[in-house]
Every structure is written in structure tokens, then in C-alpha cells.
Amino acid sequence: MDEDFKAVILHGFTDEEALAAMRAIKALKLGAGSTAFATTTPTSIGWKVSELLEHLSEEHAMLKERVRRT
């Protein structure tokens, strides 16, 4: 996992609340490019935090690479 990787995992928020929280965090500009945002799912809620963070890190890296190519 990239040492600069940051993750915000939201649970129990409505879609609107989650979006507002993500926008507020991004507005702080505290390394927003290296921050992954996620909401819990029925699948992820049972995972260990370490497993979830590893999964988010891998997804985030793939998305960053895809953006770089475009």
C-alpha cells in the first residue's frame, strides 16, 4: 500500500450526506488526490479493516492509472 494513501470510509450516511462529507473533505485539500472514499456495503461490512484498506488502495491505484492514460 502506498505510504501516502489515505482512506475515508463512511457508514450509515444517506447518499446526500456521504456526498456532502466527501466534498467537505476534498475542500480541505489535505492530499485529496491520494484519498480514497468509500461507503460500506453488505459485503465490505464483514471485512477486517486491513482487508478493506488493501482493497481500496488497489482500486484507487487502478483508477489513478486509468486517469493518467486519458
Protein backbone atom coordinates (compact mmCIF):
# COMPACT_ATOMS: atom_id res chain seq x y z
CA MET A 1 0.00 0.00 0.00
CA ASP A 2 1.31 3.46 -0.93
CA GLU A 3 2.52 5.26 2.19
CA ASP A 4 0.68 8.43 1.07
CA PHE A 5 -2.60 6.55 0.73
CA LYS A 6 -5.49 7.89 2.78
CA ALA A 7 -8.99 6.46 3.03
CA VAL A 8 -12.29 7.75 4.32
CA ILE A 9 -14.84 5.01 4.95
CA LEU A 10 -18.39 6.18 5.54
CA HIS A 11 -21.09 4.07 7.19
CA GLY A 12 -24.71 4.89 7.87
CA PHE A 13 -24.86 8.01 5.70
CA THR A 14 -27.51 8.75 3.13
CA ASP A 15 -26.19 9.29 -0.40
CA GLU A 16 -26.62 13.04 0.02
CA GLU A 17 -24.82 13.07 3.39
CA ALA A 18 -21.95 10.97 2.03
CA LEU A 19 -21.54 13.26 -0.97
CA ALA A 20 -21.56 16.34 1.28
CA ALA A 21 -18.94 14.77 3.56
CA MET A 22 -16.71 13.88 0.60
CA ARG A 23 -16.98 17.39 -0.82
CA ALA A 24 -16.17 18.95 2.56
CA ILE A 25 -13.10 16.74 2.99
CA LYS A 26 -11.91 17.44 -0.56
CA ALA A 27 -12.33 21.19 0.06
CA LEU A 28 -9.73 20.94 2.84
CA LYS A 29 -7.16 19.98 0.16
CA LEU A 30 -5.28 17.66 2.51
CA GLY A 31 -3.88 15.35 -0.12
CA ALA A 32 -7.23 14.86 -1.82
CA GLY A 33 -5.60 13.18 -4.80
CA SER A 34 -4.32 10.36 -2.63
CA THR A 35 -7.54 9.97 -0.63
CA ALA A 36 -9.97 7.18 -1.46
CA PHE A 37 -13.58 7.48 -0.41
CA ALA A 38 -15.85 4.51 0.19
CA THR A 39 -19.13 3.65 1.79
CA THR A 40 -19.70 0.33 3.43
CA THR A 41 -21.55 -2.36 1.52
CA PRO A 42 -23.19 -5.58 2.69
CA THR A 43 -20.02 -7.35 1.53
CA SER A 44 -17.40 -4.98 2.94
CA ILE A 45 -19.07 -4.59 6.33
CA GLY A 46 -17.84 -8.06 7.27
CA TRP A 47 -14.23 -7.48 6.21
CA LYS A 48 -11.34 -6.72 8.52
CA VAL A 49 -10.32 -3.07 8.25
CA SER A 50 -6.91 -4.13 6.93
CA GLU A 51 -8.59 -6.11 4.11
CA LEU A 52 -10.85 -3.20 3.24
CA LEU A 53 -7.96 -0.74 3.16
CA GLU A 54 -5.90 -3.04 0.93
CA HIS A 55 -8.85 -3.41 -1.46
CA LEU A 56 -9.45 0.35 -1.51
CA SER A 57 -5.76 1.01 -2.11
CA GLU A 58 -5.71 -1.34 -5.10
CA GLU A 59 -8.89 0.15 -6.58
CA HIS A 60 -7.62 3.69 -6.03
CA ALA A 61 -4.31 2.90 -7.76
CA MET A 62 -6.14 1.40 -10.76
CA LEU A 63 -8.40 4.45 -11.08
CA LYS A 64 -5.44 6.85 -10.84
CA GLU A 65 -3.65 4.89 -13.58
CA ARG A 66 -6.74 4.97 -15.79
CA VAL A 67 -6.98 8.76 -15.37
CA ARG A 68 -3.28 9.16 -16.21
CA ARG A 69 -3.78 7.33 -19.50
CA THR A 70 -6.60 9.61 -20.66
